[in-house]
N, C-alpha and C. Protein backbone atom coordinates (compact mmCIF):
# COMPACT_ATOMS: atom_id res chain seq x y z
N MET A 1 13.47 -30.76 30.92
CA MET A 1 14.66 -29.92 30.96
C MET A 1 14.79 -29.09 29.68
N VAL A 2 14.60 -29.70 28.52
CA VAL A 2 14.71 -28.98 27.26
C VAL A 2 13.64 -27.91 27.17
N VAL A 3 12.42 -28.21 27.61
CA VAL A 3 11.33 -27.23 27.58
C VAL A 3 11.69 -26.02 28.43
N GLY A 4 12.28 -26.25 29.58
CA GLY A 4 12.70 -25.15 30.46
C GLY A 4 13.72 -24.25 29.77
N LEU A 5 14.65 -24.82 29.04
CA LEU A 5 15.65 -24.02 28.34
C LEU A 5 15.03 -23.21 27.21
N ILE A 6 14.06 -23.78 26.53
CA ILE A 6 13.39 -23.05 25.46
C ILE A 6 12.62 -21.86 26.02
N VAL A 7 11.94 -22.04 27.12
CA VAL A 7 11.19 -20.95 27.75
C VAL A 7 12.14 -19.86 28.22
N ILE A 8 13.24 -20.24 28.85
CA ILE A 8 14.23 -19.26 29.31
C ILE A 8 14.82 -18.53 28.12
N GLY A 9 15.19 -19.27 27.06
CA GLY A 9 15.73 -18.66 25.85
C GLY A 9 14.73 -17.73 25.20
N GLY A 10 13.47 -18.14 25.13
CA GLY A 10 12.42 -17.29 24.56
C GLY A 10 12.24 -16.02 25.35
N GLY A 11 12.31 -16.10 26.67
CA GLY A 11 12.20 -14.91 27.52
C GLY A 11 13.37 -13.97 27.30
N TRP A 12 14.56 -14.51 27.09
CA TRP A 12 15.72 -13.67 26.84
C TRP A 12 15.57 -12.94 25.51
N ILE A 13 15.13 -13.66 24.48
CA ILE A 13 14.95 -13.04 23.17
C ILE A 13 13.90 -11.95 23.24
N ALA A 14 12.80 -12.21 23.91
CA ALA A 14 11.72 -11.23 24.02
C ALA A 14 12.14 -10.00 24.80
N SER A 15 13.09 -10.13 25.70
CA SER A 15 13.49 -9.01 26.54
C SER A 15 14.65 -8.22 25.95
N ARG A 16 15.18 -8.62 24.80
CA ARG A 16 16.30 -7.91 24.19
C ARG A 16 15.91 -6.48 23.86
N ASP A 17 16.84 -5.60 24.00
CA ASP A 17 16.65 -4.20 23.65
C ASP A 17 16.41 -4.09 22.15
N ASP A 18 15.34 -3.39 21.75
CA ASP A 18 15.03 -3.25 20.33
C ASP A 18 16.16 -2.57 19.57
N ALA A 19 16.80 -1.58 20.17
CA ALA A 19 17.91 -0.91 19.48
C ALA A 19 19.01 -1.91 19.14
N GLN A 20 19.28 -2.83 20.05
CA GLN A 20 20.30 -3.85 19.83
C GLN A 20 19.89 -4.79 18.71
N ALA A 21 18.61 -5.08 18.58
CA ALA A 21 18.12 -6.01 17.57
C ALA A 21 17.97 -5.35 16.20
N ALA A 22 18.05 -4.04 16.12
CA ALA A 22 17.86 -3.32 14.86
C ALA A 22 18.96 -3.67 13.87
N GLU A 23 18.58 -3.72 12.61
CA GLU A 23 19.50 -3.97 11.51
C GLU A 23 19.40 -2.81 10.52
N VAL A 24 20.37 -2.69 9.62
CA VAL A 24 20.29 -1.68 8.57
C VAL A 24 19.00 -1.90 7.80
N GLY A 25 18.23 -0.84 7.62
CA GLY A 25 16.95 -0.90 6.92
C GLY A 25 15.77 -0.99 7.86
N SER A 26 16.02 -1.28 9.16
CA SER A 26 14.93 -1.33 10.14
C SER A 26 14.38 0.07 10.36
N CYS A 27 13.07 0.15 10.56
CA CYS A 27 12.44 1.41 10.94
C CYS A 27 12.29 1.42 12.46
N MET A 28 12.42 2.60 13.03
CA MET A 28 12.41 2.75 14.49
C MET A 28 11.41 3.82 14.90
N SER A 29 10.77 3.59 16.05
CA SER A 29 9.94 4.63 16.66
C SER A 29 10.67 5.13 17.89
N LEU A 30 10.31 6.29 18.32
CA LEU A 30 10.93 6.92 19.48
C LEU A 30 9.91 6.93 20.59
N GLY A 31 10.08 6.01 21.56
CA GLY A 31 9.10 5.86 22.62
C GLY A 31 9.06 7.02 23.59
N ASP A 32 10.21 7.44 24.10
CA ASP A 32 10.26 8.51 25.10
C ASP A 32 11.19 9.60 24.60
N ALA A 33 10.65 10.51 23.81
CA ALA A 33 11.45 11.58 23.21
C ALA A 33 11.99 12.55 24.25
N SER A 34 11.46 12.53 25.46
CA SER A 34 11.91 13.47 26.48
C SER A 34 13.22 13.02 27.13
N SER A 35 13.63 11.78 26.92
CA SER A 35 14.85 11.28 27.55
C SER A 35 15.98 11.23 26.54
N SER A 36 17.03 12.01 26.78
CA SER A 36 18.17 12.00 25.87
C SER A 36 19.13 10.85 26.18
N THR A 37 19.02 10.26 27.38
CA THR A 37 19.91 9.16 27.74
C THR A 37 19.32 7.80 27.44
N ASP A 38 17.99 7.67 27.41
CA ASP A 38 17.34 6.40 27.08
C ASP A 38 16.07 6.69 26.30
N PRO A 39 16.21 6.91 24.99
CA PRO A 39 15.05 7.32 24.19
C PRO A 39 14.04 6.22 23.91
N ASP A 40 14.29 4.99 24.35
CA ASP A 40 13.35 3.90 24.18
C ASP A 40 13.01 3.66 22.71
N LEU A 41 14.05 3.42 21.91
CA LEU A 41 13.85 3.11 20.49
C LEU A 41 13.22 1.74 20.35
N GLU A 42 12.27 1.63 19.42
CA GLU A 42 11.61 0.36 19.15
C GLU A 42 11.63 0.10 17.65
N VAL A 43 11.89 -1.15 17.28
CA VAL A 43 11.78 -1.54 15.88
C VAL A 43 10.30 -1.66 15.54
N VAL A 44 9.87 -0.99 14.48
CA VAL A 44 8.49 -1.05 14.03
C VAL A 44 8.46 -1.31 12.53
N ASP A 45 7.33 -1.74 12.03
CA ASP A 45 7.15 -1.91 10.60
C ASP A 45 7.25 -0.53 9.93
N CYS A 46 7.88 -0.47 8.77
CA CYS A 46 8.05 0.82 8.10
C CYS A 46 6.72 1.43 7.66
N GLY A 47 5.67 0.64 7.59
CA GLY A 47 4.36 1.16 7.26
C GLY A 47 3.61 1.73 8.46
N ASP A 48 4.16 1.51 9.65
CA ASP A 48 3.53 1.98 10.89
C ASP A 48 3.65 3.50 10.99
N SER A 49 2.60 4.15 11.43
CA SER A 49 2.63 5.61 11.57
C SER A 49 3.63 6.07 12.64
N LYS A 50 4.06 5.17 13.52
CA LYS A 50 5.04 5.52 14.55
C LYS A 50 6.47 5.52 14.02
N ALA A 51 6.72 5.02 12.81
CA ALA A 51 8.08 4.95 12.25
C ALA A 51 8.61 6.37 12.04
N LYS A 52 9.68 6.71 12.74
CA LYS A 52 10.27 8.05 12.65
C LYS A 52 11.67 8.04 12.06
N TYR A 53 12.38 6.93 12.21
CA TYR A 53 13.76 6.81 11.74
C TYR A 53 13.96 5.51 11.00
N LYS A 54 14.98 5.49 10.14
CA LYS A 54 15.39 4.26 9.47
C LYS A 54 16.88 4.10 9.73
N VAL A 55 17.30 2.88 10.07
CA VAL A 55 18.71 2.61 10.36
C VAL A 55 19.49 2.61 9.06
N ALA A 56 20.41 3.57 8.91
CA ALA A 56 21.23 3.68 7.71
C ALA A 56 22.53 2.90 7.88
N GLU A 57 23.07 2.87 9.10
CA GLU A 57 24.31 2.15 9.40
C GLU A 57 24.24 1.63 10.82
N LYS A 58 24.85 0.48 11.05
CA LYS A 58 25.02 -0.06 12.40
C LYS A 58 26.48 -0.42 12.54
N LYS A 59 27.12 0.15 13.54
CA LYS A 59 28.55 -0.05 13.73
C LYS A 59 28.79 -0.76 15.05
N ASP A 60 29.61 -1.80 15.01
CA ASP A 60 29.98 -2.50 16.23
C ASP A 60 30.91 -1.63 17.04
N GLY A 61 30.77 -1.70 18.34
CA GLY A 61 31.58 -0.88 19.23
C GLY A 61 30.99 0.52 19.34
N ALA A 62 31.36 1.22 20.37
CA ALA A 62 30.80 2.55 20.63
C ALA A 62 31.71 3.65 20.12
N THR A 63 32.78 3.28 19.40
CA THR A 63 33.74 4.30 18.98
C THR A 63 33.48 4.85 17.59
N GLY A 64 32.75 4.11 16.75
CA GLY A 64 32.50 4.57 15.39
C GLY A 64 31.33 5.52 15.35
N GLY A 65 31.60 6.78 15.08
CA GLY A 65 30.53 7.76 15.05
C GLY A 65 29.88 7.84 13.67
N CYS A 66 28.78 8.55 13.61
CA CYS A 66 28.03 8.74 12.37
C CYS A 66 28.35 10.13 11.81
N ASP A 67 28.11 10.29 10.54
CA ASP A 67 28.20 11.61 9.92
C ASP A 67 27.01 12.42 10.42
N ARG A 68 27.25 13.29 11.37
CA ARG A 68 26.16 14.02 12.03
C ARG A 68 25.49 15.05 11.13
N THR A 69 26.05 15.30 9.94
CA THR A 69 25.37 16.19 9.00
C THR A 69 24.26 15.44 8.27
N LYS A 70 24.31 14.10 8.30
CA LYS A 70 23.31 13.28 7.62
C LYS A 70 22.39 12.52 8.57
N TYR A 71 22.93 12.11 9.73
CA TYR A 71 22.23 11.17 10.60
C TYR A 71 22.13 11.65 12.04
N SER A 72 21.11 11.14 12.72
CA SER A 72 21.07 11.19 14.18
C SER A 72 21.84 9.97 14.66
N GLU A 73 22.36 10.02 15.85
CA GLU A 73 23.20 8.94 16.34
C GLU A 73 22.67 8.40 17.66
N TYR A 74 22.64 7.09 17.78
CA TYR A 74 22.29 6.43 19.03
C TYR A 74 23.43 5.48 19.35
N THR A 75 24.06 5.63 20.51
CA THR A 75 25.16 4.77 20.92
C THR A 75 24.79 4.09 22.22
N GLN A 76 25.03 2.79 22.26
CA GLN A 76 24.82 2.02 23.48
C GLN A 76 26.12 1.32 23.81
N SER A 77 26.55 1.43 25.05
CA SER A 77 27.77 0.76 25.46
C SER A 77 27.53 0.07 26.78
N GLY A 78 28.33 -0.95 27.02
CA GLY A 78 28.22 -1.71 28.25
C GLY A 78 27.61 -3.07 28.01
N ASP A 79 27.59 -3.88 29.02
CA ASP A 79 27.02 -5.23 28.97
C ASP A 79 27.64 -6.08 27.87
N GLY A 80 28.85 -5.72 27.41
CA GLY A 80 29.53 -6.51 26.39
C GLY A 80 29.05 -6.28 24.98
N ASP A 81 27.93 -5.56 24.80
CA ASP A 81 27.40 -5.29 23.47
C ASP A 81 27.36 -3.78 23.24
N SER A 82 28.41 -3.26 22.63
CA SER A 82 28.46 -1.84 22.32
C SER A 82 28.24 -1.66 20.83
N PHE A 83 27.42 -0.67 20.47
CA PHE A 83 27.16 -0.42 19.07
C PHE A 83 26.66 1.01 18.89
N THR A 84 26.68 1.45 17.64
CA THR A 84 26.17 2.76 17.28
C THR A 84 25.21 2.59 16.11
N LEU A 85 24.05 3.24 16.19
CA LEU A 85 23.10 3.27 15.08
C LEU A 85 23.13 4.66 14.47
N CYS A 86 23.26 4.72 13.15
CA CYS A 86 23.15 5.98 12.41
C CYS A 86 21.72 6.01 11.85
N LEU A 87 20.93 6.95 12.29
CA LEU A 87 19.50 6.99 11.98
C LEU A 87 19.18 8.17 11.07
N GLU A 88 18.50 7.86 9.97
CA GLU A 88 18.04 8.93 9.09
C GLU A 88 16.55 9.13 9.34
N ASP A 89 16.09 10.35 9.16
CA ASP A 89 14.65 10.61 9.28
C ASP A 89 13.93 9.76 8.26
N TYR A 90 12.84 9.14 8.68
CA TYR A 90 12.08 8.28 7.77
C TYR A 90 10.93 9.08 7.20
N LYS A 91 10.93 9.19 5.90
CA LYS A 91 9.85 9.90 5.21
C LYS A 91 9.05 8.90 4.41
N LYS A 92 7.78 8.87 4.62
CA LYS A 92 6.91 7.92 3.93
C LYS A 92 6.47 8.46 2.59
């Protein structure tokens, strides 16, 4: 029984949206730049050539916007977990 719960829990963790798992300082790649509604952000190592953005701020709820003169903004709402990521261009 315990093994079954660990496997289910591990599957849930592995399936979490990378944008939701991102923290301030995380580097992000843009998987599908052609989609403005679901850009498929992924957390990547900052040394990875795919790193395009760095999370400057993460705000709980979908109401807190970013300073759009400094950051790109990604907002996710629904499923009980609403948040906004303020993303700065990552320069290596």
